Amino acid sequence: MMTDTNAKGTDPLEAALGSAEHAVATKLCKKCSEVQPLADFPRHPQMRDGYLNSCKLCVSQDVKRRNRQKRNDPVWTAAERARLRVAVAKYRLRIAADPVKSAEARVRQRLYNKRWREHNRQGRNDD
């Protein structure tokens, strides 16, 4: 397909879009309708170009909104608490069944807590 060229010999469509490299390196967000660089889109292997159709900021806002809705839903909250109780109980049973793992887990947790306190010393009042 031939396109008309202007007086300077460039393709008007290419001039409007920029170079072909620039056109490939940007994408239109379906949520905010802004053209943004591909770095602003999450990778998604099932999409044709390998990137999600919504930018990272829009995806983040959607996730926050959805989580807020879930937290305000008493049925979801009760189900999530029950699910977590079962998961924690299974973990504790698995650790308690092996005294060596239980001791190792306590040592790992103490070490993690110590590192966390050192790293977050600024926000603590007991120093």
N, C-alpha and C. Protein backbone atom coordinates (compact mmCIF):
# COMPACT_ATOMS: atom_id res chain seq x y z
N MET A 1 0.84 -1.17 0.00
CA MET A 1 0.00 0.00 0.00
C MET A 1 0.89 1.24 0.00
N MET A 2 0.69 2.10 -0.92
CA MET A 2 1.48 3.32 -1.03
C MET A 2 0.76 4.44 -0.30
N THR A 3 1.52 5.23 0.42
CA THR A 3 0.94 6.40 1.07
C THR A 3 1.53 7.64 0.44
N ASP A 4 0.77 8.70 0.47
CA ASP A 4 1.25 9.96 -0.08
C ASP A 4 2.34 10.51 0.80
N THR A 5 3.26 11.22 0.18
CA THR A 5 4.31 11.87 0.95
C THR A 5 4.14 13.36 0.82
N ASN A 6 4.61 14.08 1.83
CA ASN A 6 4.51 15.54 1.76
C ASN A 6 5.71 16.10 1.01
N ALA A 7 5.84 17.40 0.98
CA ALA A 7 6.90 18.07 0.22
C ALA A 7 8.29 17.65 0.69
N LYS A 8 8.43 17.32 1.96
CA LYS A 8 9.75 16.94 2.48
C LYS A 8 10.08 15.48 2.19
N GLY A 9 9.12 14.73 1.65
CA GLY A 9 9.37 13.35 1.31
C GLY A 9 9.13 12.38 2.46
N THR A 10 8.44 12.83 3.50
CA THR A 10 8.15 11.93 4.61
C THR A 10 6.68 11.52 4.58
N ASP A 11 6.41 10.40 5.13
CA ASP A 11 5.03 9.90 5.21
C ASP A 11 4.27 10.68 6.27
N PRO A 12 3.10 11.26 5.95
CA PRO A 12 2.37 12.05 6.94
C PRO A 12 1.92 11.21 8.14
N LEU A 13 1.56 9.95 7.91
CA LEU A 13 1.14 9.08 9.01
C LEU A 13 2.31 8.84 9.97
N GLU A 14 3.47 8.58 9.39
CA GLU A 14 4.66 8.38 10.23
C GLU A 14 5.03 9.66 10.95
N ALA A 15 4.88 10.79 10.31
CA ALA A 15 5.18 12.06 10.95
C ALA A 15 4.23 12.31 12.12
N ALA A 16 2.96 11.91 11.97
CA ALA A 16 1.98 12.11 13.04
C ALA A 16 2.25 11.17 14.22
N LEU A 17 2.62 9.94 13.92
CA LEU A 17 2.84 8.96 14.97
C LEU A 17 4.27 8.98 15.51
N GLY A 18 5.16 9.57 14.79
CA GLY A 18 6.56 9.51 15.16
C GLY A 18 7.19 8.35 14.43
N SER A 19 8.37 7.99 14.82
CA SER A 19 9.06 6.89 14.14
C SER A 19 8.37 5.57 14.46
N ALA A 20 8.64 4.55 13.68
CA ALA A 20 8.05 3.23 13.90
C ALA A 20 8.49 2.68 15.26
N GLU A 21 9.71 2.97 15.66
CA GLU A 21 10.20 2.50 16.97
C GLU A 21 9.38 3.12 18.09
N HIS A 22 9.04 4.41 17.95
CA HIS A 22 8.26 5.10 18.98
C HIS A 22 6.85 4.52 19.06
N ALA A 23 6.26 4.19 17.91
CA ALA A 23 4.91 3.65 17.89
C ALA A 23 4.86 2.29 18.59
N VAL A 24 5.90 1.50 18.48
CA VAL A 24 5.94 0.18 19.11
C VAL A 24 6.20 0.31 20.60
N ALA A 25 6.92 1.32 21.02
CA ALA A 25 7.32 1.46 22.41
C ALA A 25 6.26 2.11 23.28
N THR A 26 5.11 2.46 22.72
CA THR A 26 4.03 3.07 23.51
C THR A 26 2.75 2.26 23.32
N LYS A 27 1.82 2.50 24.21
CA LYS A 27 0.55 1.78 24.15
C LYS A 27 -0.54 2.65 24.76
N LEU A 28 -1.77 2.46 24.31
CA LEU A 28 -2.92 3.21 24.81
C LEU A 28 -3.55 2.43 25.96
N CYS A 29 -3.70 3.07 27.10
CA CYS A 29 -4.34 2.45 28.26
C CYS A 29 -5.85 2.49 28.04
N LYS A 30 -6.52 1.34 28.21
CA LYS A 30 -7.96 1.29 27.98
C LYS A 30 -8.75 1.93 29.11
N LYS A 31 -8.14 2.13 30.27
CA LYS A 31 -8.85 2.74 31.41
C LYS A 31 -8.77 4.26 31.38
N CYS A 32 -7.55 4.78 31.32
CA CYS A 32 -7.36 6.24 31.39
C CYS A 32 -7.24 6.89 30.01
N SER A 33 -7.17 6.09 28.96
CA SER A 33 -7.09 6.57 27.57
C SER A 33 -5.87 7.44 27.32
N GLU A 34 -4.78 7.16 28.01
CA GLU A 34 -3.53 7.89 27.79
C GLU A 34 -2.53 6.99 27.09
N VAL A 35 -1.76 7.58 26.16
CA VAL A 35 -0.69 6.84 25.51
C VAL A 35 0.52 6.92 26.42
N GLN A 36 1.04 5.75 26.80
CA GLN A 36 2.16 5.69 27.74
C GLN A 36 3.20 4.71 27.23
N PRO A 37 4.44 4.83 27.71
CA PRO A 37 5.47 3.87 27.30
C PRO A 37 5.16 2.47 27.81
N LEU A 38 5.66 1.46 27.12
CA LEU A 38 5.41 0.08 27.51
C LEU A 38 5.89 -0.24 28.92
N ALA A 39 6.87 0.50 29.40
CA ALA A 39 7.37 0.27 30.76
C ALA A 39 6.30 0.55 31.81
N ASP A 40 5.28 1.32 31.45
CA ASP A 40 4.20 1.65 32.38
C ASP A 40 3.07 0.63 32.36
N PHE A 41 3.24 -0.47 31.62
CA PHE A 41 2.23 -1.52 31.53
C PHE A 41 2.78 -2.82 32.11
N PRO A 42 1.97 -3.55 32.89
CA PRO A 42 2.43 -4.84 33.42
C PRO A 42 2.55 -5.87 32.30
N ARG A 43 3.53 -6.76 32.42
CA ARG A 43 3.70 -7.83 31.45
C ARG A 43 2.53 -8.80 31.59
N HIS A 44 2.08 -9.35 30.46
CA HIS A 44 1.01 -10.33 30.47
C HIS A 44 1.22 -11.27 29.29
N PRO A 45 1.62 -12.51 29.55
CA PRO A 45 2.02 -13.41 28.46
C PRO A 45 0.87 -13.78 27.51
N GLN A 46 -0.37 -13.64 27.93
CA GLN A 46 -1.49 -14.03 27.06
C GLN A 46 -1.94 -12.91 26.12
N MET A 47 -1.42 -11.71 26.30
CA MET A 47 -1.78 -10.62 25.40
C MET A 47 -0.89 -10.69 24.15
N ARG A 48 -1.42 -10.22 23.05
CA ARG A 48 -0.70 -10.33 21.78
C ARG A 48 0.67 -9.64 21.84
N ASP A 49 0.71 -8.44 22.42
CA ASP A 49 1.98 -7.71 22.49
C ASP A 49 2.76 -8.00 23.77
N GLY A 50 2.21 -8.83 24.66
CA GLY A 50 2.92 -9.21 25.88
C GLY A 50 2.68 -8.28 27.05
N TYR A 51 1.79 -7.30 26.90
CA TYR A 51 1.51 -6.34 27.96
C TYR A 51 0.01 -6.23 28.19
N LEU A 52 -0.39 -5.98 29.42
CA LEU A 52 -1.79 -5.80 29.77
C LEU A 52 -2.34 -4.54 29.10
N ASN A 53 -3.66 -4.46 28.91
CA ASN A 53 -4.26 -3.29 28.26
C ASN A 53 -4.42 -2.09 29.18
N SER A 54 -4.25 -2.28 30.48
CA SER A 54 -4.35 -1.18 31.44
C SER A 54 -2.98 -0.87 32.00
N CYS A 55 -2.68 0.40 32.21
CA CYS A 55 -1.37 0.79 32.75
C CYS A 55 -1.26 0.38 34.23
N LYS A 56 -0.06 0.39 34.75
CA LYS A 56 0.18 -0.04 36.13
C LYS A 56 -0.59 0.81 37.13
N LEU A 57 -0.69 2.11 36.89
CA LEU A 57 -1.42 2.99 37.80
C LEU A 57 -2.91 2.63 37.84
N CYS A 58 -3.51 2.39 36.68
CA CYS A 58 -4.92 2.02 36.63
C CYS A 58 -5.16 0.66 37.28
N VAL A 59 -4.27 -0.29 37.05
CA VAL A 59 -4.39 -1.61 37.66
C VAL A 59 -4.31 -1.48 39.18
N SER A 60 -3.37 -0.67 39.65
CA SER A 60 -3.21 -0.45 41.09
C SER A 60 -4.47 0.15 41.70
N GLN A 61 -5.04 1.13 41.03
CA GLN A 61 -6.27 1.76 41.52
C GLN A 61 -7.43 0.76 41.55
N ASP A 62 -7.51 -0.10 40.52
CA ASP A 62 -8.57 -1.12 40.49
C ASP A 62 -8.42 -2.11 41.64
N VAL A 63 -7.19 -2.53 41.90
CA VAL A 63 -6.94 -3.49 42.98
C VAL A 63 -7.29 -2.87 44.33
N LYS A 64 -6.90 -1.63 44.54
CA LYS A 64 -7.22 -0.95 45.80
C LYS A 64 -8.73 -0.82 45.98
N ARG A 65 -9.43 -0.46 44.92
CA ARG A 65 -10.89 -0.33 44.99
C ARG A 65 -11.54 -1.68 45.30
N ARG A 66 -11.08 -2.74 44.62
CA ARG A 66 -11.63 -4.07 44.83
C ARG A 66 -11.36 -4.56 46.25
N ASN A 67 -10.16 -4.32 46.76
CA ASN A 67 -9.82 -4.74 48.13
C ASN A 67 -10.65 -3.97 49.16
N ARG A 68 -10.88 -2.69 48.91
CA ARG A 68 -11.72 -1.89 49.80
C ARG A 68 -13.14 -2.45 49.84
N GLN A 69 -13.66 -2.82 48.68
CA GLN A 69 -15.00 -3.41 48.61
C GLN A 69 -15.06 -4.73 49.37
N LYS A 70 -14.01 -5.54 49.22
CA LYS A 70 -13.98 -6.83 49.91
C LYS A 70 -13.96 -6.63 51.42
N ARG A 71 -13.11 -5.71 51.88
CA ARG A 71 -13.00 -5.49 53.33
C ARG A 71 -14.31 -5.02 53.93
N ASN A 72 -15.12 -4.32 53.17
CA ASN A 72 -16.40 -3.82 53.67
C ASN A 72 -17.51 -4.85 53.54
N ASP A 73 -17.21 -6.01 52.96
CA ASP A 73 -18.20 -7.07 52.80
C ASP A 73 -18.07 -8.05 53.97
N PRO A 74 -19.04 -8.10 54.88
CA PRO A 74 -18.91 -8.97 56.06
C PRO A 74 -18.84 -10.46 55.72
N VAL A 75 -19.49 -10.89 54.65
CA VAL A 75 -19.44 -12.30 54.26
C VAL A 75 -18.02 -12.67 53.82
N TRP A 76 -17.41 -11.83 52.99
CA TRP A 76 -16.05 -12.10 52.53
C TRP A 76 -15.07 -12.07 53.71
N THR A 77 -15.23 -11.10 54.60
CA THR A 77 -14.34 -10.97 55.75
C THR A 77 -14.42 -12.20 56.63
N ALA A 78 -15.62 -12.70 56.90
CA ALA A 78 -15.78 -13.89 57.73
C ALA A 78 -15.15 -15.11 57.05
N ALA A 79 -15.36 -15.26 55.75
CA ALA A 79 -14.79 -16.39 55.02
C ALA A 79 -13.27 -16.32 55.00
N GLU A 80 -12.72 -15.12 54.84
CA GLU A 80 -11.26 -14.96 54.80
C GLU A 80 -10.66 -15.26 56.17
N ARG A 81 -11.30 -14.83 57.24
CA ARG A 81 -10.80 -15.13 58.58
C ARG A 81 -10.81 -16.63 58.84
N ALA A 82 -11.87 -17.30 58.42
CA ALA A 82 -11.95 -18.76 58.59
C ALA A 82 -10.86 -19.45 57.78
N ARG A 83 -10.64 -19.00 56.54
CA ARG A 83 -9.60 -19.59 55.69
C ARG A 83 -8.22 -19.43 56.33
N LEU A 84 -7.95 -18.26 56.87
CA LEU A 84 -6.65 -18.01 57.49
C LEU A 84 -6.48 -18.82 58.78
N ARG A 85 -7.55 -18.98 59.56
CA ARG A 85 -7.46 -19.80 60.77
C ARG A 85 -7.05 -21.23 60.43
N VAL A 86 -7.66 -21.78 59.39
CA VAL A 86 -7.34 -23.14 58.96
C VAL A 86 -5.89 -23.22 58.48
N ALA A 87 -5.46 -22.25 57.69
CA ALA A 87 -4.09 -22.26 57.17
C ALA A 87 -3.07 -22.17 58.29
N VAL A 88 -3.30 -21.31 59.26
CA VAL A 88 -2.38 -21.15 60.38
C VAL A 88 -2.35 -22.42 61.23
N ALA A 89 -3.52 -23.03 61.45
CA ALA A 89 -3.59 -24.26 62.23
C ALA A 89 -2.80 -25.38 61.54
N LYS A 90 -2.94 -25.51 60.21
CA LYS A 90 -2.18 -26.52 59.47
C LYS A 90 -0.68 -26.27 59.59
N TYR A 91 -0.27 -25.02 59.48
CA TYR A 91 1.14 -24.68 59.60
C TYR A 91 1.67 -25.06 60.98
N ARG A 92 0.93 -24.69 62.01
CA ARG A 92 1.37 -25.00 63.37
C ARG A 92 1.46 -26.48 63.62
N LEU A 93 0.51 -27.26 63.11
CA LEU A 93 0.57 -28.71 63.25
C LEU A 93 1.78 -29.29 62.53
N ARG A 94 2.05 -28.79 61.34
CA ARG A 94 3.20 -29.29 60.57
C ARG A 94 4.51 -28.98 61.30
N ILE A 95 4.65 -27.79 61.83
CA ILE A 95 5.87 -27.41 62.54
C ILE A 95 5.98 -28.17 63.86
N ALA A 96 4.88 -28.32 64.58
CA ALA A 96 4.91 -29.00 65.88
C ALA A 96 5.22 -30.49 65.72
N ALA A 97 4.90 -31.06 64.56
CA ALA A 97 5.14 -32.49 64.35
C ALA A 97 6.62 -32.81 64.28
N ASP A 98 7.45 -31.85 63.93
CA ASP A 98 8.89 -32.07 63.81
C ASP A 98 9.61 -31.11 64.74
N PRO A 99 10.14 -31.61 65.89
CA PRO A 99 10.77 -30.72 66.86
C PRO A 99 11.96 -29.93 66.29
N VAL A 100 12.70 -30.52 65.35
CA VAL A 100 13.84 -29.82 64.76
C VAL A 100 13.35 -28.63 63.94
N LYS A 101 12.32 -28.84 63.12
CA LYS A 101 11.78 -27.73 62.34
C LYS A 101 11.19 -26.66 63.24
N SER A 102 10.57 -27.11 64.34
CA SER A 102 9.98 -26.16 65.26
C SER A 102 11.05 -25.25 65.86
N ALA A 103 12.16 -25.84 66.29
CA ALA A 103 13.26 -25.05 66.85
C ALA A 103 13.87 -24.14 65.79
N GLU A 104 14.04 -24.67 64.57
CA GLU A 104 14.59 -23.85 63.49
C GLU A 104 13.67 -22.68 63.17
N ALA A 105 12.37 -22.93 63.19
CA ALA A 105 11.41 -21.87 62.90
C ALA A 105 11.48 -20.77 63.95
N ARG A 106 11.63 -21.16 65.21
CA ARG A 106 11.74 -20.15 66.28
C ARG A 106 13.00 -19.32 66.10
N VAL A 107 14.11 -19.98 65.78
CA VAL A 107 15.37 -19.25 65.58
C VAL A 107 15.25 -18.31 64.39
N ARG A 108 14.66 -18.80 63.28
CA ARG A 108 14.48 -17.94 62.10
C ARG A 108 13.61 -16.74 62.43
N GLN A 109 12.54 -16.95 63.18
CA GLN A 109 11.64 -15.86 63.53
C GLN A 109 12.33 -14.84 64.43
N ARG A 110 13.10 -15.31 65.39
CA ARG A 110 13.84 -14.38 66.26
C ARG A 110 14.83 -13.55 65.47
N LEU A 111 15.55 -14.20 64.55
CA LEU A 111 16.51 -13.49 63.72
C LEU A 111 15.80 -12.46 62.84
N TYR A 112 14.67 -12.84 62.25
CA TYR A 112 13.90 -11.91 61.43
C TYR A 112 13.44 -10.72 62.27
N ASN A 113 12.92 -11.00 63.48
CA ASN A 113 12.44 -9.92 64.34
C ASN A 113 13.57 -8.97 64.72
N LYS A 114 14.75 -9.53 65.02
CA LYS A 114 15.90 -8.70 65.39
C LYS A 114 16.31 -7.80 64.22
N ARG A 115 16.39 -8.37 63.02
CA ARG A 115 16.76 -7.57 61.84
C ARG A 115 15.72 -6.49 61.56
N TRP A 116 14.45 -6.86 61.73
CA TRP A 116 13.39 -5.88 61.49
C TRP A 116 13.50 -4.72 62.46
N ARG A 117 13.73 -5.03 63.75
CA ARG A 117 13.85 -3.96 64.76
C ARG A 117 15.04 -3.05 64.45
N GLU A 118 16.16 -3.63 64.02
CA GLU A 118 17.33 -2.83 63.68
C GLU A 118 17.04 -1.93 62.47
N HIS A 119 16.37 -2.48 61.51
CA HIS A 119 16.08 -1.73 60.29
C HIS A 119 15.03 -0.64 60.53
N ASN A 120 14.11 -0.88 61.45
CA ASN A 120 13.01 0.05 61.71
C ASN A 120 13.16 0.77 63.05
N ARG A 121 14.37 0.91 63.50
CA ARG A 121 14.65 1.52 64.80
C ARG A 121 14.12 2.96 64.87
N GLN A 122 14.12 3.66 63.76
CA GLN A 122 13.74 5.07 63.73
C GLN A 122 12.30 5.27 64.21
N GLY A 123 11.38 4.37 63.89
CA GLY A 123 9.99 4.55 64.26
C GLY A 123 9.65 4.08 65.66
N ARG A 124 10.62 3.53 66.38
CA ARG A 124 10.34 2.98 67.70
C ARG A 124 10.65 4.01 68.79
N ASN A 125 9.89 3.99 69.86
CA ASN A 125 10.07 4.95 70.95
C ASN A 125 10.87 4.40 72.13
N ASP A 126 11.11 3.08 72.14
CA ASP A 126 11.76 2.49 73.30
C ASP A 126 13.28 2.58 73.27
N ASP A 127 13.87 3.26 72.29
CA ASP A 127 15.33 3.43 72.26
C ASP A 127 15.75 4.76 72.84
